[in-house]
Amino acid sequence: MHLIPRFFKAPKQSFFLFGPRGTGKSTWLKQHFPEAFWVDLLKLDQLLVYSATPEHLREVLDANPDQKVVVIDEVQKVPDILSVVHSLIEEKRGIQFILTGSSARKLRREGVDLLAGRAILKHMPPFFAAELGKNFDLTEALELGLLPLVRGSIDPKEVLKTYVGLYLKEEVQAEGLVRQIGDFARFLEVISFSHGYELNVSNISRECYVARKTVENYIEILKDLLLGYTLSPFTKRAKRALGERPKFYLFDAGVYRSLRPLRPLDVPQEIQGAALEGLVCQHLKSWVEAQTEIYELAFWRTRSRLEVDFIVYGPNTLLAIEVKHGETIHPQDLNSLEAFKEDYPECTPILLYRGKTSYKKKEILCMPVEDFLLRVDPNHPLINPSLK
């Protein structure tokens, strides 16, 4: 597969580049920093050297004073090396350090704070639909997701099957994050049913036959490994009684489909609907994370069961986005957005659906979801002002 240009732009200063395995972090860096000195901690020989002697990095750079870019790949494997990086940055040698990671767990506990803001945090998500352009196919994306690792493979379905197993083996089991790997594997299957829904930890605990505290820990592990995340309820200036539980999403629609077992009584439309909502969510989350200003991605749900899937809130921005899997919009599909608009008149309400035509109904922009996804570019506003 030829290299597809990414929207990601590297800062000029040192930075962390986080993203799940297979999002193309290393590929992008090798393309844009071909002369960088590379420390690959997935290679056993380098892992052993730097685990035993993190100061070896200083020795190498002392011997190569003209080296101005250093990439440390999968830095969470040796958190102690961050102390050396911190010291080298303080010495103002003019070196840009790029530190990639597919797990935030060890870094959050042992390392990131050591750099005290001297390296900013950036994210490499799966592909944006707009990066694929004319090669983006919504039906395919709902089935296989948008991971570069998967899209670039000969057998995408087989890669998806082994993807989570890779994490189980190399991150969860190898790092001793859980005591019973079988329990965690069962948890992954069970939590796939929560994709796009409010988290009910007690129900998941019963389904997994493990303690509630264990499930809470498993969810944190998923978030630390960047495989899943939660959205908080939008409560600013609330005028109604609102729900309090967060919603959960797996980070990629294809990973969701690979984890979600098919059962005899399942309704395919429900699974497709959850996949579609997750696909929109991963685009919105990636857009929010790429902004230099602070934005919030949340959802809105009242105790009376009115719900808006996504709220994007930030500088001069308040978008309320509802996602429907159907090709036709019915009057009741607009109820939640109308209620949110009543409470927040300044918002821009948008309903995304599987139809082919954009139009406005009751001040709500109804838009084909594929058109919306193809417009999501972190270097531009989510919605062109002319569309509002």
Protein backbone atom coordinates (compact mmCIF):
# COMPACT_ATOMS: atom_id res chain seq x y z
CA MET A 1 0.00 0.00 0.00
CA HIS A 2 1.40 3.41 -0.93
CA LEU A 3 1.96 5.93 1.86
CA ILE A 4 -1.10 8.09 2.44
CA PRO A 5 -0.32 11.68 3.55
CA ARG A 6 -1.51 12.32 7.10
CA PHE A 7 -2.93 15.52 8.55
CA PHE A 8 -0.53 15.30 11.50
CA LYS A 9 1.98 18.12 11.80
CA ALA A 10 4.99 17.76 14.07
CA PRO A 11 5.83 20.54 16.54
CA LYS A 12 9.28 22.08 16.32
CA GLN A 13 10.00 21.36 19.98
CA SER A 14 10.30 17.96 21.69
CA PHE A 15 7.04 16.03 21.93
CA PHE A 16 5.35 12.82 22.97
CA LEU A 17 3.45 11.09 20.17
CA PHE A 18 0.83 8.75 21.61
CA GLY A 19 -1.39 6.40 19.69
CA PRO A 20 -2.47 2.75 19.72
CA ARG A 21 -0.35 0.20 17.90
CA GLY A 22 -0.87 0.26 14.15
CA THR A 23 -1.84 3.93 13.76
CA GLY A 24 1.30 4.65 11.75
CA LYS A 25 3.43 6.60 14.24
CA SER A 26 6.73 4.99 13.28
CA THR A 27 5.96 5.02 9.55
CA TRP A 28 5.15 8.74 9.64
CA LEU A 29 8.28 9.59 11.65
CA LYS A 30 10.61 7.59 9.40
CA GLN A 31 9.13 9.40 6.41
CA HIS A 32 9.50 12.90 7.90
CA PHE A 33 12.66 12.45 10.01
CA PRO A 34 14.82 10.10 7.91
CA GLU A 35 18.07 11.32 9.49
CA ALA A 36 16.91 10.92 13.11
CA PHE A 37 18.80 8.77 15.57
CA TRP A 38 16.37 5.96 16.34
CA VAL A 39 15.97 4.03 19.59
CA ASP A 40 13.50 1.18 18.97
CA LEU A 41 12.51 -0.32 22.30
CA LEU A 42 10.49 -3.04 20.59
CA LYS A 43 13.83 -4.54 19.53
CA LEU A 44 15.10 -6.84 22.25
CA ASP A 45 18.76 -5.84 22.00
CA GLN A 46 17.97 -2.15 22.40
CA LEU A 47 15.42 -2.81 25.12
CA LEU A 48 18.01 -4.73 27.15
CA VAL A 49 20.68 -2.05 26.71
CA TYR A 50 18.52 0.91 27.70
CA SER A 51 16.67 -0.93 30.47
CA ALA A 52 20.01 -1.74 32.11
CA THR A 53 21.67 1.62 31.39
CA PRO A 54 19.38 4.50 30.40
CA GLU A 55 22.43 6.80 30.55
CA HIS A 56 23.70 5.05 27.43
CA LEU A 57 21.58 7.54 25.49
CA ARG A 58 23.77 10.38 26.77
CA GLU A 59 26.91 8.48 25.82
CA VAL A 60 25.65 7.97 22.26
CA LEU A 61 24.70 11.63 21.85
CA ASP A 62 28.02 12.80 23.33
CA ALA A 63 29.70 10.79 20.58
CA ASN A 64 27.39 12.28 17.92
CA PRO A 65 27.13 16.01 18.75
CA ASP A 66 25.68 16.85 15.32
CA GLN A 67 22.61 14.68 15.88
CA LYS A 68 19.63 17.05 16.26
CA VAL A 69 16.61 14.70 16.20
CA VAL A 70 16.21 11.64 18.44
CA VAL A 71 13.24 9.27 18.21
CA ILE A 72 12.58 6.89 21.10
CA ASP A 73 9.96 4.42 19.92
CA GLU A 74 7.60 2.83 22.49
CA VAL A 75 9.18 4.83 25.32
CA GLN A 76 6.85 3.27 27.91
CA LYS A 77 9.03 0.16 27.76
CA VAL A 78 11.81 2.03 29.61
CA PRO A 79 10.26 4.90 31.60
CA ASP A 80 13.61 5.62 33.31
CA ILE A 81 15.03 6.89 30.03
CA LEU A 82 12.81 9.96 30.45
CA SER A 83 15.04 11.19 33.27
CA VAL A 84 17.94 11.22 30.84
CA VAL A 85 15.85 12.95 28.17
CA HIS A 86 14.76 15.57 30.70
CA SER A 87 18.36 16.27 31.63
CA LEU A 88 19.45 16.54 28.00
CA ILE A 89 16.64 18.99 27.24
CA GLU A 90 17.68 21.09 30.24
CA GLU A 91 21.23 21.25 28.87
CA LYS A 92 19.85 23.06 25.78
CA ARG A 93 21.76 21.01 23.26
CA GLY A 94 19.30 21.90 20.52
CA ILE A 95 18.07 18.33 20.20
CA GLN A 96 14.44 17.59 19.38
CA PHE A 97 13.26 14.45 21.18
CA ILE A 98 10.27 12.58 19.77
CA LEU A 99 8.93 10.01 22.21
CA THR A 100 6.32 7.59 20.91
CA GLY A 101 4.07 5.44 23.06
CA SER A 102 1.16 3.04 22.69
CA SER A 103 0.48 2.87 26.41
CA ALA A 104 0.17 5.70 28.88
CA ARG A 105 0.14 3.52 31.99
CA LYS A 106 3.81 3.44 32.98
CA LEU A 107 4.46 6.93 31.67
CA ARG A 108 1.62 8.41 33.67
CA ARG A 109 2.79 6.69 36.81
CA GLU A 110 6.55 7.01 36.43
CA GLY A 111 7.62 9.29 33.62
CA VAL A 112 5.64 12.00 31.90
CA ASP A 113 5.70 14.45 34.79
CA LEU A 114 9.50 14.30 34.79
CA LEU A 115 9.59 16.40 31.64
CA ALA A 116 7.58 19.12 33.36
CA GLY A 117 5.99 20.45 30.20
CA ARG A 118 9.21 20.48 28.20
CA ALA A 119 7.69 18.05 25.72
CA ILE A 120 4.14 18.59 24.52
CA LEU A 121 1.66 15.77 23.99
CA LYS A 122 0.37 14.93 20.50
CA HIS A 123 -1.76 12.05 19.21
CA MET A 124 -1.68 9.88 16.10
CA PRO A 125 -5.18 8.51 15.51
CA PRO A 126 -6.37 6.00 12.91
CA PHE A 127 -6.95 7.48 9.47
CA PHE A 128 -9.36 10.36 9.05
CA ALA A 129 -11.82 9.66 6.25
CA ALA A 130 -10.55 12.80 4.52
CA GLU A 131 -7.01 11.43 4.49
CA LEU A 132 -8.28 8.54 2.39
CA GLY A 133 -10.38 10.84 0.22
CA LYS A 134 -11.88 8.99 -2.74
CA ASN A 135 -10.58 5.71 -1.28
CA PHE A 136 -12.80 6.09 1.77
CA ASP A 137 -15.70 3.66 1.77
CA LEU A 138 -18.15 4.01 4.65
CA THR A 139 -19.40 0.42 4.54
CA GLU A 140 -15.83 -0.88 4.57
CA ALA A 141 -14.86 1.48 7.38
CA LEU A 142 -17.73 0.20 9.53
CA GLU A 143 -16.53 -3.36 9.03
CA LEU A 144 -12.74 -3.01 9.09
CA GLY A 145 -12.15 0.35 10.76
CA LEU A 146 -9.48 2.85 9.78
CA LEU A 147 -6.27 1.51 11.30
CA PRO A 148 -3.38 1.95 8.82
CA LEU A 149 -1.99 -1.42 9.95
CA VAL A 150 -5.24 -3.10 8.92
CA ARG A 151 -5.83 -1.16 5.69
CA GLY A 152 -2.30 -1.85 4.51
CA SER A 153 -2.50 -5.61 5.05
CA ILE A 154 -3.25 -8.37 2.57
CA ASP A 155 -5.84 -9.94 4.89
CA PRO A 156 -7.45 -7.12 6.96
CA LYS A 157 -9.92 -9.40 8.78
CA GLU A 158 -7.13 -11.68 9.95
CA VAL A 159 -5.07 -8.71 11.16
CA LEU A 160 -8.06 -7.45 13.15
CA LYS A 161 -8.45 -10.87 14.77
CA THR A 162 -4.86 -10.86 15.96
CA TYR A 163 -4.69 -7.16 16.83
CA VAL A 164 -6.17 -7.35 20.31
CA GLY A 165 -4.28 -10.59 20.94
CA LEU A 166 -1.08 -8.63 20.30
CA TYR A 167 -1.98 -6.23 23.09
CA LEU A 168 -2.94 -9.10 25.41
CA LYS A 169 0.43 -10.73 24.89
CA GLU A 170 2.83 -7.79 24.61
CA GLU A 171 1.26 -5.23 26.93
CA VAL A 172 -1.19 -6.80 29.35
CA GLN A 173 0.46 -10.16 29.97
CA ALA A 174 4.11 -9.15 29.54
CA GLU A 175 3.76 -6.15 31.84
CA GLY A 176 1.77 -8.10 34.43
CA LEU A 177 -1.11 -5.61 34.32
CA VAL A 178 -3.69 -8.24 35.34
CA ARG A 179 -3.51 -11.42 37.38
CA GLN A 180 -5.81 -13.51 35.21
CA ILE A 181 -5.40 -12.93 31.48
CA GLY A 182 -8.43 -15.16 30.83
CA ASP A 183 -10.65 -12.89 32.90
CA PHE A 184 -9.38 -9.87 31.02
CA ALA A 185 -10.02 -11.53 27.64
CA ARG A 186 -13.59 -12.27 28.74
CA PHE A 187 -13.95 -8.66 29.88
CA LEU A 188 -12.93 -7.41 26.42
CA GLU A 189 -15.76 -9.37 24.85
CA VAL A 190 -18.30 -8.21 27.41
CA ILE A 191 -17.36 -4.54 27.25
CA SER A 192 -17.75 -4.55 23.47
CA PHE A 193 -21.51 -4.55 24.19
CA SER A 194 -21.02 -1.21 25.98
CA HIS A 195 -19.54 0.48 22.89
CA GLY A 196 -21.61 3.63 22.39
CA TYR A 197 -23.58 3.16 25.62
CA GLU A 198 -23.40 4.42 29.17
CA LEU A 199 -21.11 2.35 31.34
CA ASN A 200 -22.83 0.11 33.85
CA VAL A 201 -19.92 -1.37 35.79
CA SER A 202 -22.15 -3.55 37.97
CA ASN A 203 -23.68 -5.27 34.94
CA ILE A 204 -20.27 -5.82 33.36
CA SER A 205 -19.03 -7.26 36.64
CA ARG A 206 -21.87 -9.79 36.71
CA GLU A 207 -21.31 -10.76 33.07
CA CYS A 208 -17.57 -11.27 33.64
CA TYR A 209 -17.92 -13.03 37.01
CA VAL A 210 -15.32 -10.74 38.55
CA ALA A 211 -15.47 -8.08 41.26
CA ARG A 212 -16.62 -4.54 40.45
CA LYS A 213 -13.22 -3.15 41.51
CA THR A 214 -11.55 -5.52 39.06
CA VAL A 215 -13.77 -4.28 36.22
CA GLU A 216 -12.98 -0.66 37.13
CA ASN A 217 -9.28 -1.52 36.96
CA TYR A 218 -9.74 -3.28 33.61
CA ILE A 219 -11.46 -0.20 32.17
CA GLU A 220 -8.56 1.98 33.31
CA ILE A 221 -6.12 -0.45 31.67
CA LEU A 222 -8.07 -0.21 28.40
CA LYS A 223 -7.90 3.58 28.57
CA ASP A 224 -4.19 3.55 29.42
CA LEU A 225 -3.50 1.23 26.48
CA LEU A 226 -5.42 3.72 24.30
CA LEU A 227 -7.82 0.98 23.21
CA GLY A 228 -10.88 2.64 24.71
CA TYR A 229 -12.08 5.89 26.23
CA THR A 230 -15.06 7.43 27.96
CA LEU A 231 -17.07 10.58 27.32
CA SER A 232 -18.44 12.58 30.23
CA PRO A 233 -21.95 14.09 30.29
CA PHE A 234 -22.19 17.72 29.19
CA THR A 235 -23.47 19.61 32.24
CA LYS A 236 -22.55 23.25 31.66
CA ARG A 237 -25.43 25.62 32.44
CA ALA A 238 -27.72 22.59 32.85
CA LYS A 239 -31.45 23.32 32.91
CA ARG A 240 -32.66 19.73 33.26
CA ALA A 241 -31.91 16.73 35.41
CA LEU A 242 -29.09 14.91 33.63
CA GLY A 243 -27.60 11.44 33.65
CA GLU A 244 -24.27 10.99 35.40
CA ARG A 245 -22.69 7.88 33.91
CA PRO A 246 -20.00 8.22 31.21
CA LYS A 247 -20.32 6.61 27.79
CA PHE A 248 -17.71 4.14 26.55
CA TYR A 249 -16.17 3.68 23.12
CA LEU A 250 -13.49 1.43 21.68
CA PHE A 251 -11.02 3.55 19.73
CA ASP A 252 -11.68 2.09 16.26
CA ALA A 253 -14.83 0.76 14.56
CA GLY A 254 -12.97 -2.25 13.17
CA VAL A 255 -11.60 -3.22 16.58
CA TYR A 256 -15.14 -2.96 17.95
CA ARG A 257 -16.48 -5.25 15.21
CA SER A 258 -13.68 -7.77 15.81
CA LEU A 259 -14.38 -7.90 19.54
CA ARG A 260 -18.18 -7.85 19.38
CA PRO A 261 -19.43 -11.46 19.18
CA LEU A 262 -22.44 -12.21 16.99
CA ARG A 263 -25.25 -13.91 18.87
CA PRO A 264 -28.40 -15.58 17.47
CA LEU A 265 -30.78 -12.86 18.66
CA ASP A 266 -28.61 -9.90 17.65
CA VAL A 267 -30.12 -7.25 15.41
CA PRO A 268 -27.54 -6.37 12.71
CA GLN A 269 -28.85 -2.79 12.54
CA GLU A 270 -27.99 -2.23 16.19
CA ILE A 271 -24.41 -3.42 15.69
CA GLN A 272 -24.06 -1.29 12.57
CA GLY A 273 -25.52 1.67 14.42
CA ALA A 274 -23.03 1.35 17.26
CA ALA A 275 -20.19 1.02 14.76
CA LEU A 276 -21.35 4.15 12.93
CA GLU A 277 -21.62 6.16 16.14
CA GLY A 278 -18.15 4.98 17.14
CA LEU A 279 -16.73 5.94 13.75
CA VAL A 280 -18.09 9.47 14.12
CA CYS A 281 -16.81 9.62 17.69
CA GLN A 282 -13.26 8.61 16.76
CA HIS A 283 -13.19 11.40 14.16
CA LEU A 284 -14.47 13.99 16.64
CA LYS A 285 -12.07 12.84 19.36
CA SER A 286 -9.12 12.95 16.95
CA TRP A 287 -10.12 16.45 15.81
CA VAL A 288 -10.41 17.68 19.40
CA GLU A 289 -7.03 16.21 20.40
CA ALA A 290 -5.31 17.88 17.44
CA GLN A 291 -6.43 21.41 18.36
CA THR A 292 -4.03 23.84 20.01
CA GLU A 293 -6.93 25.41 21.93
CA ILE A 294 -8.90 23.46 24.52
CA TYR A 295 -12.04 21.72 23.31
CA GLU A 296 -14.32 19.30 25.09
CA LEU A 297 -16.05 16.27 23.58
CA ALA A 298 -19.04 15.10 25.63
CA PHE A 299 -22.61 13.84 25.29
CA TRP A 300 -25.94 15.05 26.68
CA ARG A 301 -28.55 12.87 28.29
CA THR A 302 -31.50 13.82 30.46
CA ARG A 303 -33.16 11.69 33.11
CA SER A 304 -36.18 11.61 30.81
CA ARG A 305 -34.02 9.77 28.22
CA LEU A 306 -33.47 12.59 25.73
CA GLU A 307 -29.96 12.13 24.35
CA VAL A 308 -27.61 13.92 21.97
CA ASP A 309 -24.72 11.68 20.99
CA PHE A 310 -21.95 14.29 20.88
CA ILE A 311 -21.37 17.81 22.13
CA VAL A 312 -18.27 19.63 20.89
CA TYR A 313 -17.58 22.62 23.09
CA GLY A 314 -14.74 25.09 22.72
CA PRO A 315 -13.75 28.60 21.59
CA ASN A 316 -16.72 30.04 19.68
CA THR A 317 -17.99 26.49 19.16
CA LEU A 318 -20.98 24.58 20.47
CA LEU A 319 -22.00 21.72 18.20
CA ALA A 320 -24.71 19.21 19.07
CA ILE A 321 -24.39 16.11 16.87
CA GLU A 322 -26.84 13.22 16.67
CA VAL A 323 -26.05 10.10 14.60
CA LYS A 324 -28.76 7.95 13.01
CA HIS A 325 -28.07 4.80 11.04
CA GLY A 326 -31.23 5.05 8.91
CA GLU A 327 -31.47 6.49 5.43
CA THR A 328 -34.63 8.42 6.29
CA ILE A 329 -35.12 11.02 9.02
CA HIS A 330 -38.33 10.79 11.02
CA PRO A 331 -39.78 13.66 13.11
CA GLN A 332 -38.96 11.91 16.39
CA ASP A 333 -35.28 11.72 15.36
CA LEU A 334 -35.09 15.49 15.89
CA ASN A 335 -36.58 15.56 19.41
CA SER A 336 -33.32 15.46 21.36
CA LEU A 337 -31.60 18.08 19.22
CA GLU A 338 -34.65 20.35 19.50
CA ALA A 339 -34.58 20.00 23.30
CA PHE A 340 -30.87 20.79 23.42
CA LYS A 341 -31.43 23.79 21.16
CA GLU A 342 -34.09 25.05 23.57
CA ASP A 343 -31.58 24.94 26.43
CA TYR A 344 -28.64 26.22 24.36
CA PRO A 345 -29.98 28.54 21.62
CA GLU A 346 -26.46 29.41 20.51
CA CYS A 347 -25.65 25.81 19.51
CA THR A 348 -25.43 24.43 15.97
CA PRO A 349 -27.52 21.22 15.87
CA ILE A 350 -26.55 18.58 13.31
CA LEU A 351 -28.16 15.26 12.51
CA LEU A 352 -26.00 12.78 10.60
CA TYR A 353 -27.73 9.98 8.73
CA ARG A 354 -27.13 7.40 5.97
CA GLY A 355 -29.04 9.33 3.32
CA LYS A 356 -27.60 11.25 0.35
CA THR A 357 -28.92 14.81 0.71
CA SER A 358 -28.15 17.72 3.04
CA TYR A 359 -31.04 19.92 4.12
CA LYS A 360 -32.33 21.92 7.06
CA LYS A 361 -35.37 20.95 9.09
CA LYS A 362 -36.53 22.92 12.14
CA GLU A 363 -33.18 24.79 12.17
CA ILE A 364 -31.34 21.44 12.30
CA LEU A 365 -28.76 20.67 9.63
CA CYS A 366 -29.43 17.13 8.37
CA MET A 367 -26.35 15.84 6.62
CA PRO A 368 -25.13 12.54 5.12
CA VAL A 369 -22.70 11.06 7.60
CA GLU A 370 -20.21 10.21 4.86
CA ASP A 371 -20.11 13.85 3.72
CA PHE A 372 -19.52 14.98 7.30
CA LEU A 373 -16.68 12.51 7.90
CA LEU A 374 -14.96 13.54 4.68
CA ARG A 375 -15.00 17.15 5.92
CA VAL A 376 -13.35 16.43 9.29
CA ASP A 377 -9.83 17.85 9.05
CA PRO A 378 -7.99 18.91 12.24
CA ASN A 379 -6.54 21.88 10.38
CA HIS A 380 -10.00 23.34 9.68
CA PRO A 381 -13.24 23.97 11.63
CA LEU A 382 -15.52 21.00 12.05
CA ILE A 383 -18.34 22.74 10.20
CA ASN A 384 -17.84 25.35 7.51
CA PRO A 385 -19.70 28.53 8.58
CA SER A 386 -21.62 28.47 5.30
CA LEU A 387 -23.22 25.18 6.33
CA LYS A 388 -24.50 26.37 9.69
